[in-house]
Amino acid sequence: MNSDRKHILAFVPSIDEAIQFAQEYPNSAAIYSGMHDSERERVISEFRKGNIRVIFNVRVLSTGFDYTKIDCIILGISTASIALYYQILGRGTRIDDEKEPLKSSSNIGKPLETMPFGKHKGENFKDIPKEYREWMLKSFDWHAANMNLKQAIEGSL
C-alpha cells in the first residue's frame, strides 16, 4: 500500500480476507466480530497513536467509530444500501485541520462470484435464474458502492 496516507480504514468482505490482508501489509491489523474486546480496543488505540496505519475491518467500524484523522477509506465490499455507503465514507469526512482531504478507493476485494445477500445468498451468479438477475439489473439503485455487484451480474448473463 504505497500511499502518503497515515490512517487508512479498509472495509473487506470476510474475516479471512481481513486477517490475510493484515498479515500481508506492514503496520496493519484486522478488526472483526468475534474478536476479544480487549484486542479490538488495543488495535484501535494503536491506530489512533499512529503505530498501526491500516485497519482491515469486516463492517465493524462502519458506524459509530469516530476518529478525525482517518484520511483514506478503502471500500472493498459491495452494498446495496446507500445509507451504509454514506456511513462508511463518513468515517473519513470528520473535520481535522491537520489531515489531508479524504482519499477513497473501492473494490479491492476479490471479484464477486456469489450473491452477497437475499434469497440467493451464497449462490454462484450463473446458478441464479436469469430472470432474477435481469430483474435486479433493472430494479436496483446502482451507485459507486455496489457497482461491482452490477458488473458481476452483467458478466453472468
N, C-alpha and C. Protein backbone atom coordinates (compact mmCIF):
# COMPACT_ATOMS: atom_id res chain seq x y z
N MET A 1 0.84 -1.16 0.00
CA MET A 1 0.00 0.00 0.00
C MET A 1 0.89 1.23 0.00
N ASN A 2 1.27 1.64 -1.19
CA ASN A 2 2.12 2.81 -1.33
C ASN A 2 1.26 4.05 -1.34
N SER A 3 1.31 4.78 -0.26
CA SER A 3 0.47 5.95 -0.12
C SER A 3 1.05 6.84 0.96
N ASP A 4 0.77 8.12 0.83
CA ASP A 4 1.20 9.07 1.85
C ASP A 4 0.21 9.13 3.00
N ARG A 5 -0.83 8.34 2.94
CA ARG A 5 -1.89 8.36 3.94
C ARG A 5 -1.42 7.71 5.24
N LYS A 6 -1.88 8.28 6.36
CA LYS A 6 -1.41 7.83 7.67
C LYS A 6 -2.41 6.98 8.43
N HIS A 7 -3.70 7.19 8.19
CA HIS A 7 -4.75 6.46 8.91
C HIS A 7 -5.77 5.95 7.90
N ILE A 8 -5.59 4.70 7.50
CA ILE A 8 -6.40 4.10 6.44
C ILE A 8 -7.37 3.10 7.05
N LEU A 9 -8.64 3.25 6.71
CA LEU A 9 -9.68 2.33 7.17
C LEU A 9 -10.20 1.58 5.96
N ALA A 10 -9.98 0.26 5.94
CA ALA A 10 -10.37 -0.57 4.81
C ALA A 10 -11.52 -1.50 5.21
N PHE A 11 -12.51 -1.58 4.34
CA PHE A 11 -13.67 -2.45 4.56
C PHE A 11 -13.55 -3.62 3.59
N VAL A 12 -13.49 -4.83 4.14
CA VAL A 12 -13.34 -6.04 3.32
C VAL A 12 -14.50 -6.99 3.61
N PRO A 13 -14.79 -7.91 2.67
CA PRO A 13 -15.99 -8.73 2.80
C PRO A 13 -15.95 -9.88 3.79
N SER A 14 -14.77 -10.33 4.19
CA SER A 14 -14.75 -11.52 5.05
C SER A 14 -13.65 -11.43 6.11
N ILE A 15 -13.85 -12.16 7.18
CA ILE A 15 -12.84 -12.23 8.24
C ILE A 15 -11.54 -12.80 7.69
N ASP A 16 -11.64 -13.84 6.87
CA ASP A 16 -10.43 -14.43 6.29
C ASP A 16 -9.62 -13.41 5.51
N GLU A 17 -10.32 -12.58 4.71
CA GLU A 17 -9.61 -11.56 3.93
C GLU A 17 -9.01 -10.48 4.84
N ALA A 18 -9.74 -10.08 5.87
CA ALA A 18 -9.21 -9.08 6.80
C ALA A 18 -7.92 -9.58 7.44
N ILE A 19 -7.92 -10.81 7.89
CA ILE A 19 -6.73 -11.39 8.52
C ILE A 19 -5.60 -11.53 7.51
N GLN A 20 -5.93 -12.01 6.31
CA GLN A 20 -4.92 -12.18 5.26
C GLN A 20 -4.27 -10.85 4.90
N PHE A 21 -5.07 -9.82 4.65
CA PHE A 21 -4.52 -8.51 4.30
C PHE A 21 -3.68 -7.95 5.44
N ALA A 22 -4.14 -8.12 6.68
CA ALA A 22 -3.38 -7.61 7.83
C ALA A 22 -2.02 -8.30 7.95
N GLN A 23 -1.94 -9.56 7.54
CA GLN A 23 -0.67 -10.28 7.57
C GLN A 23 0.24 -9.85 6.43
N GLU A 24 -0.35 -9.45 5.31
CA GLU A 24 0.43 -9.10 4.12
C GLU A 24 0.97 -7.67 4.14
N TYR A 25 0.27 -6.76 4.79
CA TYR A 25 0.66 -5.36 4.76
C TYR A 25 1.27 -4.94 6.09
N PRO A 26 2.44 -4.30 6.04
CA PRO A 26 3.07 -3.86 7.29
C PRO A 26 2.23 -2.79 7.99
N ASN A 27 2.39 -2.71 9.28
CA ASN A 27 1.70 -1.71 10.11
C ASN A 27 0.19 -1.75 9.92
N SER A 28 -0.37 -2.94 9.87
CA SER A 28 -1.82 -3.07 9.71
C SER A 28 -2.35 -4.12 10.68
N ALA A 29 -3.67 -4.11 10.84
CA ALA A 29 -4.33 -5.07 11.73
C ALA A 29 -5.74 -5.32 11.21
N ALA A 30 -6.34 -6.39 11.72
CA ALA A 30 -7.71 -6.74 11.35
C ALA A 30 -8.63 -6.54 12.54
N ILE A 31 -9.85 -6.08 12.26
CA ILE A 31 -10.90 -5.99 13.28
C ILE A 31 -12.14 -6.64 12.69
N TYR A 32 -12.74 -7.52 13.49
CA TYR A 32 -13.91 -8.26 13.01
C TYR A 32 -14.73 -8.72 14.21
N SER A 33 -15.97 -9.11 13.94
CA SER A 33 -16.82 -9.62 15.02
C SER A 33 -16.21 -10.91 15.54
N GLY A 34 -16.39 -11.15 16.80
CA GLY A 34 -15.87 -12.38 17.38
C GLY A 34 -14.50 -12.23 18.01
N MET A 35 -13.80 -11.15 17.73
CA MET A 35 -12.51 -10.98 18.39
C MET A 35 -12.75 -10.39 19.78
N HIS A 36 -11.83 -10.63 20.69
CA HIS A 36 -11.98 -10.14 22.06
C HIS A 36 -12.01 -8.62 22.08
N ASP A 37 -12.86 -8.07 22.93
CA ASP A 37 -12.98 -6.62 23.06
C ASP A 37 -11.64 -5.98 23.39
N SER A 38 -10.86 -6.62 24.24
CA SER A 38 -9.57 -6.05 24.64
C SER A 38 -8.62 -5.95 23.45
N GLU A 39 -8.65 -6.94 22.56
CA GLU A 39 -7.80 -6.91 21.37
C GLU A 39 -8.28 -5.83 20.41
N ARG A 40 -9.59 -5.71 20.24
CA ARG A 40 -10.15 -4.67 19.37
C ARG A 40 -9.76 -3.28 19.91
N GLU A 41 -9.89 -3.09 21.21
CA GLU A 41 -9.53 -1.80 21.82
C GLU A 41 -8.04 -1.52 21.66
N ARG A 42 -7.20 -2.55 21.77
CA ARG A 42 -5.76 -2.37 21.58
C ARG A 42 -5.46 -1.92 20.16
N VAL A 43 -6.08 -2.58 19.17
CA VAL A 43 -5.85 -2.23 17.77
C VAL A 43 -6.27 -0.78 17.51
N ILE A 44 -7.44 -0.40 18.00
CA ILE A 44 -7.93 0.97 17.79
C ILE A 44 -7.00 1.97 18.47
N SER A 45 -6.54 1.66 19.67
CA SER A 45 -5.62 2.55 20.38
C SER A 45 -4.32 2.73 19.60
N GLU A 46 -3.77 1.64 19.10
CA GLU A 46 -2.53 1.70 18.32
C GLU A 46 -2.74 2.44 17.00
N PHE A 47 -3.91 2.30 16.40
CA PHE A 47 -4.27 3.03 15.18
C PHE A 47 -4.31 4.53 15.47
N ARG A 48 -4.93 4.91 16.55
CA ARG A 48 -5.02 6.33 16.92
C ARG A 48 -3.64 6.92 17.22
N LYS A 49 -2.75 6.12 17.79
CA LYS A 49 -1.39 6.58 18.08
C LYS A 49 -0.52 6.66 16.83
N GLY A 50 -0.96 6.02 15.75
CA GLY A 50 -0.18 6.01 14.52
C GLY A 50 0.73 4.80 14.39
N ASN A 51 0.68 3.88 15.34
CA ASN A 51 1.51 2.68 15.28
C ASN A 51 0.95 1.65 14.30
N ILE A 52 -0.34 1.69 14.09
CA ILE A 52 -0.99 0.87 13.07
C ILE A 52 -1.52 1.85 12.03
N ARG A 53 -1.15 1.63 10.77
CA ARG A 53 -1.52 2.55 9.69
C ARG A 53 -2.83 2.16 9.02
N VAL A 54 -3.09 0.86 8.93
CA VAL A 54 -4.27 0.38 8.22
C VAL A 54 -5.04 -0.59 9.11
N ILE A 55 -6.35 -0.38 9.18
CA ILE A 55 -7.23 -1.36 9.81
C ILE A 55 -8.10 -1.96 8.72
N PHE A 56 -8.02 -3.29 8.57
CA PHE A 56 -8.91 -4.03 7.68
C PHE A 56 -10.06 -4.53 8.55
N ASN A 57 -11.26 -4.08 8.26
CA ASN A 57 -12.38 -4.47 9.12
C ASN A 57 -13.53 -5.03 8.29
N VAL A 58 -14.32 -5.86 8.96
CA VAL A 58 -15.46 -6.52 8.32
C VAL A 58 -16.73 -5.90 8.91
N ARG A 59 -17.06 -4.70 8.43
CA ARG A 59 -18.28 -3.97 8.80
C ARG A 59 -18.44 -3.70 10.29
N VAL A 60 -17.36 -3.77 11.03
CA VAL A 60 -17.43 -3.49 12.46
C VAL A 60 -17.34 -1.98 12.70
N LEU A 61 -16.56 -1.28 11.90
CA LEU A 61 -16.33 0.14 12.12
C LEU A 61 -17.08 1.03 11.13
N SER A 62 -18.15 0.51 10.54
CA SER A 62 -18.88 1.31 9.55
C SER A 62 -19.77 2.37 10.20
N THR A 63 -20.20 2.17 11.42
CA THR A 63 -20.98 3.18 12.13
C THR A 63 -20.46 3.31 13.56
N GLY A 64 -20.58 4.50 14.09
CA GLY A 64 -20.24 4.71 15.50
C GLY A 64 -18.77 4.81 15.81
N PHE A 65 -17.90 4.78 14.82
CA PHE A 65 -16.47 4.91 15.06
C PHE A 65 -16.04 6.29 14.60
N ASP A 66 -15.65 7.12 15.54
CA ASP A 66 -15.27 8.49 15.23
C ASP A 66 -13.80 8.71 15.53
N TYR A 67 -13.05 8.98 14.48
CA TYR A 67 -11.65 9.34 14.61
C TYR A 67 -11.35 10.32 13.48
N THR A 68 -11.08 11.55 13.82
CA THR A 68 -10.99 12.62 12.82
C THR A 68 -9.80 12.50 11.88
N LYS A 69 -8.80 11.72 12.23
CA LYS A 69 -7.58 11.67 11.42
C LYS A 69 -7.62 10.64 10.29
N ILE A 70 -8.72 9.90 10.15
CA ILE A 70 -8.82 8.95 9.03
C ILE A 70 -8.74 9.75 7.74
N ASP A 71 -7.74 9.43 6.91
CA ASP A 71 -7.54 10.20 5.69
C ASP A 71 -7.69 9.35 4.42
N CYS A 72 -8.04 8.08 4.59
CA CYS A 72 -8.26 7.22 3.43
C CYS A 72 -9.26 6.12 3.79
N ILE A 73 -10.23 5.93 2.93
CA ILE A 73 -11.20 4.84 3.07
C ILE A 73 -11.03 3.93 1.87
N ILE A 74 -10.89 2.64 2.12
CA ILE A 74 -10.84 1.65 1.04
C ILE A 74 -12.11 0.82 1.16
N LEU A 75 -12.92 0.88 0.13
CA LEU A 75 -14.20 0.18 0.12
C LEU A 75 -14.05 -1.09 -0.72
N GLY A 76 -13.77 -2.18 -0.04
CA GLY A 76 -13.59 -3.46 -0.72
C GLY A 76 -14.79 -4.37 -0.56
N ILE A 77 -15.94 -3.77 -0.27
CA ILE A 77 -17.18 -4.54 -0.11
C ILE A 77 -18.23 -3.98 -1.06
N SER A 78 -19.24 -4.76 -1.26
CA SER A 78 -20.38 -4.32 -2.05
C SER A 78 -21.55 -4.11 -1.12
N THR A 79 -22.32 -3.08 -1.37
CA THR A 79 -23.53 -2.86 -0.58
C THR A 79 -24.63 -2.32 -1.48
N ALA A 80 -25.82 -2.77 -1.25
CA ALA A 80 -26.98 -2.23 -1.97
C ALA A 80 -27.58 -1.07 -1.19
N SER A 81 -27.01 -0.75 -0.04
CA SER A 81 -27.55 0.29 0.83
C SER A 81 -26.78 1.59 0.68
N ILE A 82 -27.43 2.60 0.16
CA ILE A 82 -26.79 3.91 0.04
C ILE A 82 -26.51 4.49 1.43
N ALA A 83 -27.37 4.17 2.41
CA ALA A 83 -27.16 4.65 3.78
C ALA A 83 -25.86 4.08 4.36
N LEU A 84 -25.63 2.78 4.17
CA LEU A 84 -24.39 2.18 4.65
C LEU A 84 -23.18 2.77 3.93
N TYR A 85 -23.31 2.98 2.63
CA TYR A 85 -22.23 3.60 1.85
C TYR A 85 -21.86 4.96 2.43
N TYR A 86 -22.86 5.79 2.72
CA TYR A 86 -22.59 7.10 3.31
C TYR A 86 -22.00 6.98 4.71
N GLN A 87 -22.47 6.01 5.49
CA GLN A 87 -21.90 5.79 6.83
C GLN A 87 -20.42 5.45 6.73
N ILE A 88 -20.08 4.58 5.80
CA ILE A 88 -18.68 4.17 5.63
C ILE A 88 -17.83 5.37 5.23
N LEU A 89 -18.25 6.10 4.21
CA LEU A 89 -17.48 7.27 3.79
C LEU A 89 -17.42 8.32 4.90
N GLY A 90 -18.46 8.37 5.71
CA GLY A 90 -18.48 9.32 6.82
C GLY A 90 -17.38 9.11 7.83
N ARG A 91 -16.81 7.91 7.89
CA ARG A 91 -15.71 7.65 8.82
C ARG A 91 -14.52 8.54 8.47
N GLY A 92 -14.40 8.93 7.21
CA GLY A 92 -13.24 9.72 6.81
C GLY A 92 -13.53 11.18 6.54
N THR A 93 -14.75 11.62 6.77
CA THR A 93 -15.09 13.01 6.46
C THR A 93 -15.15 13.91 7.69
N ARG A 94 -14.68 13.42 8.81
CA ARG A 94 -14.64 14.25 10.01
C ARG A 94 -13.63 15.38 9.79
N ILE A 95 -13.96 16.56 10.27
CA ILE A 95 -13.10 17.72 10.07
C ILE A 95 -11.90 17.64 11.00
N ASP A 96 -10.72 17.85 10.42
CA ASP A 96 -9.47 17.88 11.17
C ASP A 96 -8.48 18.71 10.36
N ASP A 97 -8.05 19.83 10.90
CA ASP A 97 -7.17 20.75 10.17
C ASP A 97 -5.79 20.15 9.88
N GLU A 98 -5.42 19.09 10.58
CA GLU A 98 -4.09 18.51 10.43
C GLU A 98 -4.02 17.37 9.42
N LYS A 99 -5.13 17.01 8.79
CA LYS A 99 -5.08 15.89 7.86
C LYS A 99 -5.32 16.35 6.43
N GLU A 100 -4.88 15.52 5.51
CA GLU A 100 -5.13 15.75 4.10
C GLU A 100 -6.60 15.46 3.80
N PRO A 101 -7.13 16.01 2.72
CA PRO A 101 -8.51 15.66 2.34
C PRO A 101 -8.64 14.15 2.14
N LEU A 102 -9.82 13.65 2.41
CA LEU A 102 -10.08 12.22 2.30
C LEU A 102 -9.79 11.70 0.90
N LYS A 103 -9.14 10.56 0.85
CA LYS A 103 -8.94 9.83 -0.40
C LYS A 103 -9.71 8.53 -0.24
N SER A 104 -10.44 8.13 -1.26
CA SER A 104 -11.17 6.87 -1.16
C SER A 104 -10.91 6.02 -2.39
N SER A 105 -11.00 4.73 -2.19
CA SER A 105 -10.80 3.76 -3.27
C SER A 105 -11.81 2.65 -3.05
N SER A 106 -12.27 2.04 -4.14
CA SER A 106 -13.25 0.98 -3.96
C SER A 106 -12.87 -0.27 -4.73
N ASN A 107 -13.49 -1.38 -4.31
CA ASN A 107 -13.39 -2.67 -4.99
C ASN A 107 -12.01 -3.31 -4.94
N ILE A 108 -11.37 -3.32 -3.78
CA ILE A 108 -10.10 -4.00 -3.67
C ILE A 108 -10.26 -5.48 -3.38
N GLY A 109 -11.43 -5.88 -2.97
CA GLY A 109 -11.66 -7.28 -2.63
C GLY A 109 -11.67 -8.16 -3.86
N LYS A 110 -11.80 -9.42 -3.65
CA LYS A 110 -11.90 -10.36 -4.77
C LYS A 110 -13.14 -10.05 -5.58
N PRO A 111 -13.09 -10.27 -6.90
CA PRO A 111 -14.30 -10.06 -7.70
C PRO A 111 -15.44 -10.93 -7.16
N LEU A 112 -16.63 -10.39 -7.21
CA LEU A 112 -17.78 -11.14 -6.71
C LEU A 112 -18.05 -12.35 -7.59
N GLU A 113 -18.21 -13.48 -6.96
CA GLU A 113 -18.55 -14.70 -7.67
C GLU A 113 -19.89 -15.26 -7.20
N THR A 114 -20.29 -14.84 -5.99
CA THR A 114 -21.55 -15.32 -5.44
C THR A 114 -22.38 -14.15 -4.95
N MET A 115 -23.69 -14.37 -4.91
CA MET A 115 -24.62 -13.34 -4.45
C MET A 115 -24.36 -13.05 -2.97
N PRO A 116 -24.12 -11.78 -2.60
CA PRO A 116 -23.77 -11.47 -1.21
C PRO A 116 -24.95 -11.35 -0.25
N PHE A 117 -26.21 -11.37 -0.74
CA PHE A 117 -27.36 -11.18 0.13
C PHE A 117 -28.61 -11.74 -0.54
N GLY A 118 -29.71 -11.71 0.19
CA GLY A 118 -31.01 -12.07 -0.36
C GLY A 118 -31.27 -13.57 -0.43
N LYS A 119 -32.33 -13.93 -1.13
CA LYS A 119 -32.75 -15.33 -1.16
C LYS A 119 -31.76 -16.22 -1.90
N HIS A 120 -30.87 -15.65 -2.70
CA HIS A 120 -29.86 -16.43 -3.42
C HIS A 120 -28.46 -16.22 -2.83
N LYS A 121 -28.39 -15.76 -1.59
CA LYS A 121 -27.11 -15.50 -0.94
C LYS A 121 -26.23 -16.75 -0.99
N GLY A 122 -24.97 -16.55 -1.42
CA GLY A 122 -24.01 -17.64 -1.47
C GLY A 122 -24.03 -18.43 -2.76
N GLU A 123 -25.02 -18.20 -3.60
CA GLU A 123 -25.10 -18.93 -4.87
C GLU A 123 -24.23 -18.25 -5.93
N ASN A 124 -23.62 -19.06 -6.79
CA ASN A 124 -22.88 -18.53 -7.93
C ASN A 124 -23.86 -17.78 -8.82
N PHE A 125 -23.45 -16.63 -9.34
CA PHE A 125 -24.35 -15.81 -10.15
C PHE A 125 -24.95 -16.58 -11.31
N LYS A 126 -24.16 -17.43 -11.95
CA LYS A 126 -24.66 -18.18 -13.12
C LYS A 126 -25.72 -19.21 -12.73
N ASP A 127 -25.78 -19.58 -11.45
CA ASP A 127 -26.77 -20.55 -10.99
C ASP A 127 -28.09 -19.90 -10.58
N ILE A 128 -28.10 -18.59 -10.50
CA ILE A 128 -29.31 -17.84 -10.15
C ILE A 128 -30.14 -17.68 -11.42
N PRO A 129 -31.46 -17.87 -11.34
CA PRO A 129 -32.29 -17.76 -12.54
C PRO A 129 -32.03 -16.45 -13.29
N LYS A 130 -31.92 -16.56 -14.61
CA LYS A 130 -31.63 -15.41 -15.46
C LYS A 130 -32.64 -14.29 -15.26
N GLU A 131 -33.91 -14.65 -15.11
CA GLU A 131 -34.95 -13.63 -14.94
C GLU A 131 -34.71 -12.81 -13.67
N TYR A 132 -34.25 -13.48 -12.62
CA TYR A 132 -33.98 -12.78 -11.36
C TYR A 132 -32.81 -11.81 -11.53
N ARG A 133 -31.75 -12.26 -12.22
CA ARG A 133 -30.59 -11.39 -12.45
C ARG A 133 -30.99 -10.17 -13.29
N GLU A 134 -31.80 -10.41 -14.32
CA GLU A 134 -32.25 -9.30 -15.16
C GLU A 134 -33.12 -8.33 -14.36
N TRP A 135 -33.97 -8.88 -13.50
CA TRP A 135 -34.81 -8.03 -12.65
C TRP A 135 -33.95 -7.16 -11.74
N MET A 136 -32.90 -7.75 -11.15
CA MET A 136 -32.01 -6.98 -10.28
C MET A 136 -31.38 -5.81 -11.03
N LEU A 137 -30.91 -6.09 -12.25
CA LEU A 137 -30.27 -5.02 -13.03
C LEU A 137 -31.22 -3.86 -13.30
N LYS A 138 -32.48 -4.17 -13.52
CA LYS A 138 -33.47 -3.12 -13.81
C LYS A 138 -33.96 -2.42 -12.54
N SER A 139 -34.00 -3.12 -11.44
CA SER A 139 -34.71 -2.63 -10.25
C SER A 139 -33.83 -1.95 -9.20
N PHE A 140 -32.56 -2.27 -9.14
CA PHE A 140 -31.71 -1.75 -8.08
C PHE A 140 -31.30 -0.31 -8.33
N ASP A 141 -30.99 0.39 -7.26
CA ASP A 141 -30.43 1.73 -7.31
C ASP A 141 -28.91 1.57 -7.37
N TRP A 142 -28.34 1.63 -8.56
CA TRP A 142 -26.91 1.39 -8.73
C TRP A 142 -26.12 2.66 -8.47
N HIS A 143 -25.06 2.55 -7.71
CA HIS A 143 -24.19 3.66 -7.36
C HIS A 143 -22.79 3.10 -7.11
N ALA A 144 -21.85 3.96 -6.79
CA ALA A 144 -20.45 3.54 -6.65
C ALA A 144 -20.26 2.41 -5.65
N ALA A 145 -21.05 2.37 -4.60
CA ALA A 145 -20.85 1.37 -3.55
C ALA A 145 -21.25 -0.03 -3.97
N ASN A 146 -22.09 -0.17 -5.00
CA ASN A 146 -22.50 -1.52 -5.39
C ASN A 146 -22.24 -1.81 -6.87
N MET A 147 -21.37 -1.02 -7.49
CA MET A 147 -21.09 -1.19 -8.91
C MET A 147 -20.44 -2.54 -9.22
N ASN A 148 -19.61 -3.07 -8.31
CA ASN A 148 -19.01 -4.37 -8.59
C ASN A 148 -20.07 -5.48 -8.58
N LEU A 149 -21.14 -5.31 -7.81
CA LEU A 149 -22.24 -6.26 -7.84
C LEU A 149 -22.93 -6.20 -9.20
N LYS A 150 -23.19 -5.00 -9.69
CA LYS A 150 -23.82 -4.84 -11.00
C LYS A 150 -22.96 -5.48 -12.08
N GLN A 151 -21.66 -5.23 -12.04
CA GLN A 151 -20.75 -5.79 -13.04
C GLN A 151 -20.72 -7.31 -12.98
N ALA A 152 -20.77 -7.87 -11.78
CA ALA A 152 -20.77 -9.33 -11.64
C ALA A 152 -22.04 -9.93 -12.23
N ILE A 153 -23.18 -9.27 -11.99
CA ILE A 153 -24.44 -9.77 -12.55
C ILE A 153 -24.42 -9.66 -14.06
N GLU A 154 -23.98 -8.51 -14.58
CA GLU A 154 -23.91 -8.33 -16.04
C GLU A 154 -22.98 -9.36 -16.67
N GLY A 155 -21.87 -9.64 -16.01
CA GLY A 155 -20.92 -10.62 -16.54
C GLY A 155 -21.44 -12.04 -16.54
N SER A 156 -22.48 -12.29 -15.75
CA SER A 156 -23.03 -13.65 -15.68
C SER A 156 -24.13 -13.89 -16.72
N LEU A 157 -24.54 -12.85 -17.41
CA LEU A 157 -25.62 -13.00 -18.41
C LEU A 157 -25.08 -13.39 -19.78
